[in-house]
Amino acid sequence: AEPVLKDWSGFVVDIDKAILNNNIQSRFKTMIEDGAVEECRQYRSAFSGERPPSARALGAAQILDYLDGRCDLAQATEAAVIATRRYAKRQRTWFRNRMADWPRVDRGAAQIAP
């Protein structure tokens, strides 16, 4: 049988850990500014206070904790950023272990594809 993908190549887009952590922090701040709290408030109302599995999404779980009075917004933000950093670390580890021989492309490279 002929391989399904015979003419392809893969690469891993890499980014400096400090830059990644800063991006995670900035992105969550932007999400809050763009209405993530109100979106979670509406989500919570739609499920009558129950927490379906989708409520465990990074960021959503922490904002819902804030809306439920378990923490203040600063604590929810910090918890969401930490959870996202941990998830990013697991992803980096997975790529390092599963795709160790794949070429790495620095995120800062001017051009990724021809």
N, C-alpha and C. Protein backbone atom coordinates (compact mmCIF):
# COMPACT_ATOMS: atom_id res chain seq x y z
N ALA A 1 0.84 -1.19 0.00
CA ALA A 1 0.00 0.00 0.00
C ALA A 1 0.88 1.24 0.00
N GLU A 2 0.42 2.23 -0.71
CA GLU A 2 1.16 3.49 -0.81
C GLU A 2 0.89 4.35 0.43
N PRO A 3 1.93 4.99 0.96
CA PRO A 3 1.71 5.83 2.14
C PRO A 3 0.71 6.95 1.84
N VAL A 4 -0.09 7.27 2.82
CA VAL A 4 -1.08 8.33 2.66
C VAL A 4 -0.39 9.68 2.47
N LEU A 5 0.60 9.94 3.26
CA LEU A 5 1.35 11.19 3.18
C LEU A 5 2.77 10.89 2.74
N LYS A 6 3.02 10.91 1.45
CA LYS A 6 4.36 10.56 0.99
C LYS A 6 5.26 11.77 0.77
N ASP A 7 4.69 12.91 0.44
CA ASP A 7 5.49 14.11 0.19
C ASP A 7 5.11 15.21 1.18
N TRP A 8 5.65 15.12 2.35
CA TRP A 8 5.36 16.13 3.36
C TRP A 8 6.57 16.28 4.26
N SER A 9 6.62 17.37 4.92
CA SER A 9 7.65 17.57 5.93
C SER A 9 7.04 18.35 7.08
N GLY A 10 7.54 18.10 8.24
CA GLY A 10 7.01 18.77 9.42
C GLY A 10 8.10 19.53 10.13
N PHE A 11 7.68 20.44 10.96
CA PHE A 11 8.61 21.18 11.80
C PHE A 11 7.87 21.64 13.04
N VAL A 12 8.62 21.98 14.05
CA VAL A 12 8.05 22.46 15.30
C VAL A 12 8.35 23.95 15.40
N VAL A 13 7.31 24.74 15.58
CA VAL A 13 7.49 26.17 15.80
C VAL A 13 7.80 26.35 17.28
N ASP A 14 8.96 26.88 17.55
CA ASP A 14 9.43 27.03 18.92
C ASP A 14 9.43 28.50 19.31
N ILE A 15 9.40 28.76 20.59
CA ILE A 15 9.43 30.13 21.10
C ILE A 15 10.16 30.12 22.44
N ASP A 16 10.90 31.16 22.70
CA ASP A 16 11.60 31.30 23.96
C ASP A 16 10.59 31.25 25.12
N LYS A 17 10.93 30.54 26.17
CA LYS A 17 10.02 30.34 27.30
C LYS A 17 9.59 31.67 27.92
N ALA A 18 10.52 32.60 28.08
CA ALA A 18 10.17 33.90 28.69
C ALA A 18 9.19 34.66 27.81
N ILE A 19 9.39 34.61 26.50
CA ILE A 19 8.48 35.28 25.57
C ILE A 19 7.11 34.61 25.63
N LEU A 20 7.11 33.28 25.64
CA LEU A 20 5.85 32.54 25.73
C LEU A 20 5.08 32.91 27.00
N ASN A 21 5.76 32.93 28.13
CA ASN A 21 5.10 33.27 29.39
C ASN A 21 4.53 34.69 29.35
N ASN A 22 5.28 35.61 28.77
CA ASN A 22 4.79 36.98 28.64
C ASN A 22 3.56 37.03 27.73
N ASN A 23 3.61 36.27 26.64
CA ASN A 23 2.46 36.23 25.71
C ASN A 23 1.22 35.66 26.40
N ILE A 24 1.40 34.64 27.22
CA ILE A 24 0.27 34.05 27.94
C ILE A 24 -0.35 35.09 28.86
N GLN A 25 0.49 35.80 29.61
CA GLN A 25 0.01 36.84 30.52
C GLN A 25 -0.73 37.93 29.75
N SER A 26 -0.15 38.40 28.67
CA SER A 26 -0.77 39.47 27.87
C SER A 26 -2.07 39.02 27.25
N ARG A 27 -2.09 37.79 26.76
CA ARG A 27 -3.29 37.28 26.10
C ARG A 27 -4.45 37.18 27.09
N PHE A 28 -4.19 36.71 28.29
CA PHE A 28 -5.28 36.60 29.25
C PHE A 28 -5.79 37.97 29.66
N LYS A 29 -4.88 38.92 29.83
CA LYS A 29 -5.29 40.29 30.15
C LYS A 29 -6.19 40.84 29.04
N THR A 30 -5.82 40.60 27.80
CA THR A 30 -6.63 41.04 26.66
C THR A 30 -7.99 40.35 26.67
N MET A 31 -8.02 39.07 26.99
CA MET A 31 -9.30 38.35 27.05
C MET A 31 -10.22 38.98 28.09
N ILE A 32 -9.68 39.34 29.23
CA ILE A 32 -10.48 39.98 30.28
C ILE A 32 -11.00 41.33 29.77
N GLU A 33 -10.12 42.11 29.16
CA GLU A 33 -10.51 43.42 28.63
C GLU A 33 -11.55 43.31 27.53
N ASP A 34 -11.50 42.22 26.78
CA ASP A 34 -12.43 42.03 25.66
C ASP A 34 -13.74 41.36 26.04
N GLY A 35 -13.96 41.14 27.33
CA GLY A 35 -15.27 40.66 27.75
C GLY A 35 -15.38 39.21 28.17
N ALA A 36 -14.27 38.58 28.51
CA ALA A 36 -14.32 37.17 28.90
C ALA A 36 -15.16 36.95 30.16
N VAL A 37 -15.14 37.92 31.07
CA VAL A 37 -15.92 37.76 32.30
C VAL A 37 -17.41 37.75 31.97
N GLU A 38 -17.84 38.67 31.14
CA GLU A 38 -19.26 38.71 30.76
C GLU A 38 -19.64 37.45 29.97
N GLU A 39 -18.76 36.99 29.12
CA GLU A 39 -19.03 35.77 28.36
C GLU A 39 -19.22 34.58 29.30
N CYS A 40 -18.37 34.48 30.31
CA CYS A 40 -18.49 33.40 31.29
C CYS A 40 -19.75 33.57 32.14
N ARG A 41 -20.11 34.81 32.42
CA ARG A 41 -21.35 35.06 33.18
C ARG A 41 -22.55 34.54 32.38
N GLN A 42 -22.58 34.82 31.09
CA GLN A 42 -23.67 34.34 30.23
C GLN A 42 -23.64 32.82 30.12
N TYR A 43 -22.47 32.26 30.02
CA TYR A 43 -22.30 30.81 29.95
C TYR A 43 -22.86 30.16 31.22
N ARG A 44 -22.50 30.74 32.36
CA ARG A 44 -22.96 30.20 33.64
C ARG A 44 -24.48 30.26 33.73
N SER A 45 -25.06 31.37 33.27
CA SER A 45 -26.53 31.51 33.29
C SER A 45 -27.20 30.47 32.40
N ALA A 46 -26.58 30.18 31.27
CA ALA A 46 -27.17 29.22 30.33
C ALA A 46 -27.24 27.82 30.92
N PHE A 47 -26.35 27.52 31.87
CA PHE A 47 -26.32 26.19 32.47
C PHE A 47 -26.86 26.18 33.90
N SER A 48 -27.56 27.23 34.27
CA SER A 48 -28.21 27.32 35.60
C SER A 48 -27.26 26.99 36.75
N GLY A 49 -26.05 27.49 36.66
CA GLY A 49 -25.10 27.28 37.74
C GLY A 49 -24.35 25.97 37.70
N GLU A 50 -24.77 25.03 36.85
CA GLU A 50 -24.04 23.76 36.73
C GLU A 50 -22.74 24.01 35.97
N ARG A 51 -21.82 23.09 36.11
CA ARG A 51 -20.55 23.21 35.40
C ARG A 51 -20.34 21.99 34.51
N PRO A 52 -20.71 22.12 33.24
CA PRO A 52 -20.46 21.01 32.31
C PRO A 52 -18.95 20.89 32.06
N PRO A 53 -18.51 19.81 31.41
CA PRO A 53 -17.09 19.62 31.16
C PRO A 53 -16.40 20.81 30.48
N SER A 54 -17.11 21.50 29.61
CA SER A 54 -16.49 22.64 28.92
C SER A 54 -16.13 23.77 29.87
N ALA A 55 -16.68 23.77 31.06
CA ALA A 55 -16.37 24.80 32.05
C ALA A 55 -14.97 24.62 32.64
N ARG A 56 -14.32 23.51 32.32
CA ARG A 56 -12.96 23.27 32.80
C ARG A 56 -11.91 23.85 31.87
N ALA A 57 -12.33 24.49 30.80
CA ALA A 57 -11.37 25.07 29.84
C ALA A 57 -10.45 26.06 30.54
N LEU A 58 -9.21 26.12 30.07
CA LEU A 58 -8.26 27.07 30.64
C LEU A 58 -8.83 28.47 30.59
N GLY A 59 -8.79 29.14 31.70
CA GLY A 59 -9.33 30.49 31.78
C GLY A 59 -10.78 30.50 32.21
N ALA A 60 -11.60 29.71 31.58
CA ALA A 60 -13.03 29.69 31.92
C ALA A 60 -13.22 29.20 33.36
N ALA A 61 -12.54 28.16 33.73
CA ALA A 61 -12.69 27.61 35.09
C ALA A 61 -12.34 28.66 36.14
N GLN A 62 -11.28 29.41 35.89
CA GLN A 62 -10.84 30.41 36.85
C GLN A 62 -11.79 31.61 36.89
N ILE A 63 -12.29 32.01 35.74
CA ILE A 63 -13.25 33.12 35.72
C ILE A 63 -14.55 32.70 36.40
N LEU A 64 -14.98 31.47 36.18
CA LEU A 64 -16.18 30.98 36.85
C LEU A 64 -15.98 30.94 38.37
N ASP A 65 -14.78 30.58 38.81
CA ASP A 65 -14.49 30.64 40.25
C ASP A 65 -14.65 32.07 40.77
N TYR A 66 -14.18 33.03 40.00
CA TYR A 66 -14.35 34.44 40.37
C TYR A 66 -15.83 34.81 40.44
N LEU A 67 -16.58 34.43 39.43
CA LEU A 67 -18.01 34.75 39.40
C LEU A 67 -18.78 34.08 40.54
N ASP A 68 -18.28 32.93 40.98
CA ASP A 68 -18.92 32.20 42.08
C ASP A 68 -18.45 32.71 43.45
N GLY A 69 -17.57 33.72 43.46
CA GLY A 69 -17.10 34.30 44.71
C GLY A 69 -16.00 33.54 45.40
N ARG A 70 -15.38 32.61 44.72
CA ARG A 70 -14.31 31.80 45.33
C ARG A 70 -12.98 32.55 45.40
N CYS A 71 -12.85 33.61 44.59
CA CYS A 71 -11.62 34.38 44.55
C CYS A 71 -11.92 35.74 43.91
N ASP A 72 -10.95 36.65 43.99
CA ASP A 72 -11.15 37.91 43.29
C ASP A 72 -10.59 37.79 41.87
N LEU A 73 -10.81 38.82 41.07
CA LEU A 73 -10.41 38.74 39.66
C LEU A 73 -8.89 38.61 39.50
N ALA A 74 -8.13 39.28 40.36
CA ALA A 74 -6.67 39.18 40.28
C ALA A 74 -6.22 37.74 40.57
N GLN A 75 -6.84 37.10 41.55
CA GLN A 75 -6.49 35.71 41.86
C GLN A 75 -6.90 34.78 40.73
N ALA A 76 -8.06 35.02 40.15
CA ALA A 76 -8.51 34.20 39.02
C ALA A 76 -7.57 34.36 37.84
N THR A 77 -7.14 35.59 37.59
CA THR A 77 -6.21 35.85 36.49
C THR A 77 -4.90 35.12 36.72
N GLU A 78 -4.36 35.24 37.93
CA GLU A 78 -3.10 34.56 38.25
C GLU A 78 -3.24 33.05 38.10
N ALA A 79 -4.34 32.49 38.58
CA ALA A 79 -4.56 31.05 38.48
C ALA A 79 -4.68 30.61 37.03
N ALA A 80 -5.35 31.41 36.21
CA ALA A 80 -5.50 31.07 34.79
C ALA A 80 -4.17 31.12 34.06
N VAL A 81 -3.37 32.12 34.37
CA VAL A 81 -2.06 32.26 33.73
C VAL A 81 -1.16 31.09 34.14
N ILE A 82 -1.17 30.73 35.41
CA ILE A 82 -0.36 29.59 35.88
C ILE A 82 -0.82 28.30 35.21
N ALA A 83 -2.12 28.08 35.15
CA ALA A 83 -2.64 26.86 34.51
C ALA A 83 -2.26 26.81 33.04
N THR A 84 -2.30 27.95 32.37
CA THR A 84 -1.94 27.99 30.95
C THR A 84 -0.45 27.75 30.76
N ARG A 85 0.37 28.30 31.64
CA ARG A 85 1.82 28.05 31.56
C ARG A 85 2.13 26.57 31.77
N ARG A 86 1.43 25.95 32.69
CA ARG A 86 1.65 24.52 32.93
C ARG A 86 1.24 23.69 31.71
N TYR A 87 0.14 24.08 31.10
CA TYR A 87 -0.31 23.39 29.89
C TYR A 87 0.72 23.57 28.77
N ALA A 88 1.23 24.78 28.61
CA ALA A 88 2.24 25.04 27.59
C ALA A 88 3.50 24.21 27.86
N LYS A 89 3.86 24.05 29.12
CA LYS A 89 5.03 23.24 29.46
C LYS A 89 4.80 21.78 29.05
N ARG A 90 3.60 21.27 29.31
CA ARG A 90 3.30 19.89 28.90
C ARG A 90 3.38 19.75 27.37
N GLN A 91 2.90 20.77 26.66
CA GLN A 91 2.98 20.72 25.20
C GLN A 91 4.43 20.71 24.74
N ARG A 92 5.26 21.56 25.32
CA ARG A 92 6.68 21.63 24.93
C ARG A 92 7.36 20.29 25.21
N THR A 93 7.05 19.69 26.35
CA THR A 93 7.62 18.39 26.69
C THR A 93 7.17 17.34 25.69
N TRP A 94 5.90 17.36 25.32
CA TRP A 94 5.38 16.40 24.36
C TRP A 94 6.11 16.54 23.02
N PHE A 95 6.25 17.75 22.54
CA PHE A 95 6.96 17.97 21.27
C PHE A 95 8.42 17.53 21.38
N ARG A 96 9.07 17.83 22.50
CA ARG A 96 10.46 17.45 22.67
C ARG A 96 10.62 15.93 22.66
N ASN A 97 9.68 15.21 23.28
CA ASN A 97 9.77 13.76 23.35
C ASN A 97 9.29 13.06 22.09
N ARG A 98 8.24 13.54 21.48
CA ARG A 98 7.63 12.87 20.33
C ARG A 98 8.20 13.30 18.99
N MET A 99 8.76 14.48 18.95
CA MET A 99 9.24 15.02 17.68
C MET A 99 10.67 15.54 17.84
N ALA A 100 11.47 14.76 18.55
CA ALA A 100 12.83 15.17 18.86
C ALA A 100 13.68 15.39 17.61
N ASP A 101 13.39 14.64 16.55
CA ASP A 101 14.20 14.76 15.34
C ASP A 101 13.63 15.75 14.32
N TRP A 102 12.52 16.38 14.65
CA TRP A 102 11.92 17.35 13.73
C TRP A 102 12.70 18.66 13.79
N PRO A 103 12.83 19.34 12.66
CA PRO A 103 13.50 20.63 12.70
C PRO A 103 12.70 21.64 13.52
N ARG A 104 13.43 22.51 14.19
CA ARG A 104 12.81 23.56 14.99
C ARG A 104 12.89 24.88 14.22
N VAL A 105 11.80 25.62 14.27
CA VAL A 105 11.77 26.94 13.65
C VAL A 105 11.47 27.93 14.76
N ASP A 106 12.33 28.90 14.90
CA ASP A 106 12.11 29.92 15.92
C ASP A 106 10.93 30.78 15.52
N ARG A 107 10.03 31.02 16.47
CA ARG A 107 8.84 31.82 16.20
C ARG A 107 9.21 33.19 15.66
N GLY A 108 10.37 33.68 16.02
CA GLY A 108 10.80 34.99 15.57
C GLY A 108 11.35 35.00 14.15
N ALA A 109 11.42 33.83 13.52
CA ALA A 109 11.95 33.77 12.15
C ALA A 109 11.07 34.60 11.22
N ALA A 110 11.70 35.25 10.27
CA ALA A 110 10.97 36.14 9.36
C ALA A 110 9.95 35.40 8.52
N GLN A 111 10.28 34.18 8.14
CA GLN A 111 9.38 33.44 7.26
C GLN A 111 9.43 31.97 7.64
N ILE A 112 8.26 31.36 7.81
CA ILE A 112 8.21 29.95 8.20
C ILE A 112 8.09 29.06 6.97
N ALA A 113 7.24 29.40 6.06
CA ALA A 113 7.03 28.58 4.86
C ALA A 113 7.46 29.35 3.62
N PRO A 114 7.90 28.62 2.58
CA PRO A 114 8.32 29.30 1.35
C PRO A 114 7.16 29.99 0.64
